C-alpha atoms as a PDB file:
ATOM      1  CA  MET A   1      -0.528  -6.701  16.568  1.00  0.00           C
ATOM      2  CA  ASN A   2      -1.651  -4.628  13.596  1.00  0.00           C
ATOM      3  CA  PRO A   3      -3.488  -1.379  14.301  1.00  0.00           C
ATOM      4  CA  ASP A   4      -6.954  -1.372  12.779  1.00  0.00           C
ATOM      5  CA  GLU A   5      -6.607   2.091  11.215  1.00  0.00           C
ATOM      6  CA  LEU A   6      -3.894   0.845   8.852  1.00  0.00           C
ATOM      7  CA  HIS A   7      -4.316  -0.821   5.460  1.00  0.00           C
ATOM      8  CA  TYR A   8      -1.940  -3.590   4.351  1.00  0.00           C
ATOM      9  CA  THR A   9      -0.408  -5.135   1.220  1.00  0.00           C
ATOM     10  CA  GLN A  10       0.676  -8.664   0.379  1.00  0.00           C
ATOM     11  CA  SER A  11       4.231  -7.326   0.073  1.00  0.00           C
ATOM     12  CA  HIS A  12       4.045  -6.318   3.766  1.00  0.00           C
ATOM     13  CA  GLU A  13       3.727  -2.538   3.541  1.00  0.00           C
ATOM     14  CA  TRP A  14       1.131  -0.549   5.465  1.00  0.00           C
ATOM     15  CA  VAL A  15      -0.545   2.781   4.798  1.00  0.00           C
ATOM     16  CA  ARG A  16      -2.318   5.141   7.193  1.00  0.00           C
ATOM     17  CA  ILE A  17      -4.659   7.677   5.559  1.00  0.00           C
ATOM     18  CA  ASP A  18      -5.089  11.113   7.136  1.00  0.00           C
ATOM     19  CA  GLY A  19      -7.118  13.345   4.829  1.00  0.00           C
ATOM     20  CA  ASP A  20      -5.310  13.288   1.487  1.00  0.00           C
ATOM     21  CA  ILE A  21      -1.960  12.186   2.968  1.00  0.00           C
ATOM     22  CA  GLY A  22      -0.910   8.549   3.153  1.00  0.00           C
ATOM     23  CA  THR A  23       1.900   7.523   5.498  1.00  0.00           C
ATOM     24  CA  ILE A  24       3.631   4.310   4.406  1.00  0.00           C
ATOM     25  CA  GLY A  25       5.940   1.877   6.176  1.00  0.00           C
ATOM     26  CA  ILE A  26       6.696  -1.813   6.495  1.00  0.00           C
ATOM     27  CA  THR A  27       4.815  -4.106   8.830  1.00  0.00           C
ATOM     28  CA  ASP A  28       6.058  -5.529  12.100  1.00  0.00           C
ATOM     29  CA  HIS A  29       6.032  -8.947  10.442  1.00  0.00           C
ATOM     30  CA  ALA A  30       8.273  -7.665   7.631  1.00  0.00           C
ATOM     31  CA  GLN A  31      10.843  -6.121   9.966  1.00  0.00           C
ATOM     32  CA  LYS A  32      10.994  -9.340  12.000  1.00  0.00           C
ATOM     33  CA  GLU A  33      11.545 -11.390   8.836  1.00  0.00           C
ATOM     34  CA  LEU A  34      14.256  -9.013   7.627  1.00  0.00           C
ATOM     35  CA  GLY A  35      16.152  -8.875  10.895  1.00  0.00           C
ATOM     36  CA  GLU A  36      18.385  -5.933  11.760  1.00  0.00           C
ATOM     37  CA  ILE A  37      17.793  -3.188   9.181  1.00  0.00           C
ATOM     38  CA  VAL A  38      21.016  -1.394   8.254  1.00  0.00           C
ATOM     39  CA  TYR A  39      20.148   0.742   5.212  1.00  0.00           C
ATOM     40  CA  LEU A  40      17.141   2.386   3.545  1.00  0.00           C
ATOM     41  CA  GLU A  41      16.966   3.791   0.033  1.00  0.00           C
ATOM     42  CA  LEU A  42      13.947   6.062  -0.340  1.00  0.00           C
ATOM     43  CA  PRO A  43      12.751   8.336  -3.170  1.00  0.00           C
ATOM     44  CA  GLU A  44      13.030  12.099  -3.406  1.00  0.00           C
ATOM     45  CA  VAL A  45      10.162  14.406  -2.491  1.00  0.00           C
ATOM     46  CA  GLY A  46       8.117  15.243  -5.585  1.00  0.00           C
ATOM     47  CA  HIS A  47       8.419  11.837  -7.250  1.00  0.00           C
ATOM     48  CA  VAL A  48       5.068  10.487  -8.446  1.00  0.00           C
ATOM     49  CA  TYR A  49       4.250   6.775  -8.267  1.00  0.00           C
ATOM     50  CA  ASN A  50       1.467   4.499  -9.394  1.00  0.00           C
ATOM     51  CA  ALA A  51       0.248   1.801  -7.005  1.00  0.00           C
ATOM     52  CA  ASP A  52       2.464  -1.307  -6.808  1.00  0.00           C
ATOM     53  CA  GLU A  53       5.558   0.412  -8.233  1.00  0.00           C
ATOM     54  CA  GLU A  54       8.887  -0.081  -6.476  1.00  0.00           C
ATOM     55  CA  PHE A  55       9.731   3.036  -4.466  1.00  0.00           C
ATOM     56  CA  GLY A  56      12.866   1.994  -2.624  1.00  0.00           C
ATOM     57  CA  THR A  57      14.794  -0.744  -0.892  1.00  0.00           C
ATOM     58  CA  VAL A  58      15.426  -1.897   2.640  1.00  0.00           C
ATOM     59  CA  GLU A  59      18.658  -3.694   3.438  1.00  0.00           C
ATOM     60  CA  SER A  60      19.132  -5.864   6.489  1.00  0.00           C
ATOM     61  CA  VAL A  61      21.904  -8.115   7.706  1.00  0.00           C
ATOM     62  CA  LYS A  62      19.964 -10.972   6.042  1.00  0.00           C
ATOM     63  CA  ALA A  63      18.746  -9.569   2.707  1.00  0.00           C
ATOM     64  CA  VAL A  64      17.864  -6.659   0.462  1.00  0.00           C
ATOM     65  CA  SER A  65      14.148  -6.233  -0.236  1.00  0.00           C
ATOM     66  CA  GLU A  66      12.266  -3.952  -2.576  1.00  0.00           C
ATOM     67  CA  LEU A  67       9.593  -1.633  -1.222  1.00  0.00           C
ATOM     68  CA  PHE A  68       6.344  -1.315  -3.180  1.00  0.00           C
ATOM     69  CA  ILE A  69       4.003   1.642  -2.938  1.00  0.00           C
ATOM     70  CA  PRO A  70       0.482   0.548  -1.934  1.00  0.00           C
ATOM     71  CA  ILE A  71      -1.359   3.499  -3.493  1.00  0.00           C
ATOM     72  CA  SER A  72      -0.714   6.110  -6.164  1.00  0.00           C
ATOM     73  CA  GLY A  73       0.485   9.567  -5.233  1.00  0.00           C
ATOM     74  CA  GLU A  74       3.234  12.160  -5.030  1.00  0.00           C
ATOM     75  CA  ILE A  75       5.918  11.903  -2.350  1.00  0.00           C
ATOM     76  CA  VAL A  76       5.615  14.882   0.005  1.00  0.00           C
ATOM     77  CA  GLU A  77       7.975  13.750   2.779  1.00  0.00           C
ATOM     78  CA  ILE A  78      10.512  11.057   3.552  1.00  0.00           C
ATOM     79  CA  ASN A  79      11.487   9.967   7.047  1.00  0.00           C
ATOM     80  CA  ARG A  80      15.036  11.323   7.192  1.00  0.00           C
ATOM     81  CA  SER A  81      15.386  10.008  10.759  1.00  0.00           C
ATOM     82  CA  ALA A  82      14.817   6.456   9.499  1.00  0.00           C
ATOM     83  CA  VAL A  83      17.312   6.952   6.668  1.00  0.00           C
ATOM     84  CA  ALA A  84      19.914   8.215   9.166  1.00  0.00           C
ATOM     85  CA  GLU A  85      19.121   5.518  11.741  1.00  0.00           C
ATOM     86  CA  PRO A  86      17.435   2.553   9.959  1.00  0.00           C
ATOM     87  CA  GLY A  87      17.138   0.590  13.210  1.00  0.00           C
ATOM     88  CA  ILE A  88      14.146   2.785  14.077  1.00  0.00           C
ATOM     89  CA  VAL A  89      12.175   0.680  11.578  1.00  0.00           C
ATOM     90  CA  ASN A  90      12.907  -2.409  13.697  1.00  0.00           C
ATOM     91  CA  ASP A  91      12.114  -0.600  16.937  1.00  0.00           C
ATOM     92  CA  ASP A  92       8.842   1.041  15.863  1.00  0.00           C
ATOM     93  CA  PRO A  93       7.770  -0.060  12.355  1.00  0.00           C
ATOM     94  CA  LEU A  94       4.188   1.194  12.721  1.00  0.00           C
ATOM     95  CA  GLY A  95       5.101   4.508  14.350  1.00  0.00           C
ATOM     96  CA  ASP A  96       8.380   6.428  14.244  1.00  0.00           C
ATOM     97  CA  GLY A  97       9.737   3.945  11.686  1.00  0.00           C
ATOM     98  CA  TRP A  98       7.416   5.133   8.887  1.00  0.00           C
ATOM     99  CA  LEU A  99       9.153   5.576   5.527  1.00  0.00           C
ATOM    100  CA  ILE A 100       7.335   8.051   3.278  1.00  0.00           C
ATOM    101  CA  LYS A 101       4.294  10.300   3.101  1.00  0.00           C
ATOM    102  CA  LEU A 102       2.455  10.954  -0.128  1.00  0.00           C
ATOM    103  CA  LYS A 103      -0.427  13.027  -1.408  1.00  0.00           C
ATOM    104  CA  VAL A 104      -3.053  10.433  -2.331  1.00  0.00           C
ATOM    105  CA  THR A 105      -4.491  10.704  -5.847  1.00  0.00           C
ATOM    106  CA  THR A 106      -7.452   8.316  -5.453  1.00  0.00           C
ATOM    107  CA  ASP A 107      -9.404   6.635  -2.659  1.00  0.00           C
ATOM    108  CA  ASP A 108     -10.265   3.605  -4.798  1.00  0.00           C
ATOM    109  CA  GLU A 109      -6.887   1.935  -4.270  1.00  0.00           C
ATOM    110  CA  VAL A 110      -7.143   2.136  -0.483  1.00  0.00           C
ATOM    111  CA  ARG A 111     -10.337   0.084  -0.557  1.00  0.00           C
ATOM    112  CA  LYS A 112      -8.443  -2.731  -2.331  1.00  0.00           C
ATOM    113  CA  LEU A 113      -5.911  -3.107   0.502  1.00  0.00           C
ATOM    114  CA  MET A 114      -6.263  -5.561   3.378  1.00  0.00           C
ATOM    115  CA  SER A 115      -7.667  -4.708   6.792  1.00  0.00           C
ATOM    116  CA  ALA A 116      -5.670  -5.621   9.903  1.00  0.00           C
ATOM    117  CA  GLU A 117      -7.739  -8.792  10.296  1.00  0.00           C
ATOM    118  CA  GLN A 118      -7.268  -9.795   6.654  1.00  0.00           C
ATOM    119  CA  TYR A 119      -3.527  -9.111   6.883  1.00  0.00           C
ATOM    120  CA  ALA A 120      -3.192 -11.238  10.028  1.00  0.00           C
ATOM    121  CA  GLU A 121      -4.926 -14.112   8.218  1.00  0.00           C
ATOM    122  CA  TYR A 122      -2.684 -13.594   5.170  1.00  0.00           C
ATOM    123  CA  VAL A 123       0.491 -13.742   7.296  1.00  0.00           C
ATOM    124  CA  GLN A 124      -0.773 -16.833   9.084  1.00  0.00           C
ATOM    125  CA  ALA A 125      -1.448 -18.587   5.756  1.00  0.00           C
ATOM    126  CA  GLU A 126       1.947 -17.477   4.424  1.00  0.00           C
ATOM    127  CA  GLU A 127       3.680 -18.910   7.512  1.00  0.00           C
ATOM    128  CA  LYS A 128       1.956 -22.276   7.010  1.00  0.00           C
ATOM    129  CA  GLU A 129       3.357 -22.449   3.475  1.00  0.00           C
ATOM    130  CA  LYS A 130       6.940 -22.226   4.738  1.00  0.00           C
END
């Protein structure tokens, strides 16, 4: 299930907006596809990204995948607990397994992301293509 307050990307990241701070992680679908996550590479606080830029990698026992930032902003916090214990992303990808927080530079990009319902339909269509 995908919480309705989140916004989603086609590359399976989510963002939760709280004022001018966006919290970003990977979706439950993504963590299931990856399998057991063993390593996270995340950016340093202060780095500025434009939407859709690669901001890190997630490594599982199956594969290494790039992480793409859904919206533009400056990194204000990384989840050091997830870096130390990457399995938290498998256990709670939409909660304690968040990856980064950033100061949002524009609201326009958020409106271009998928709602929970749209993301569920996207995943369903993607699964049919396999």
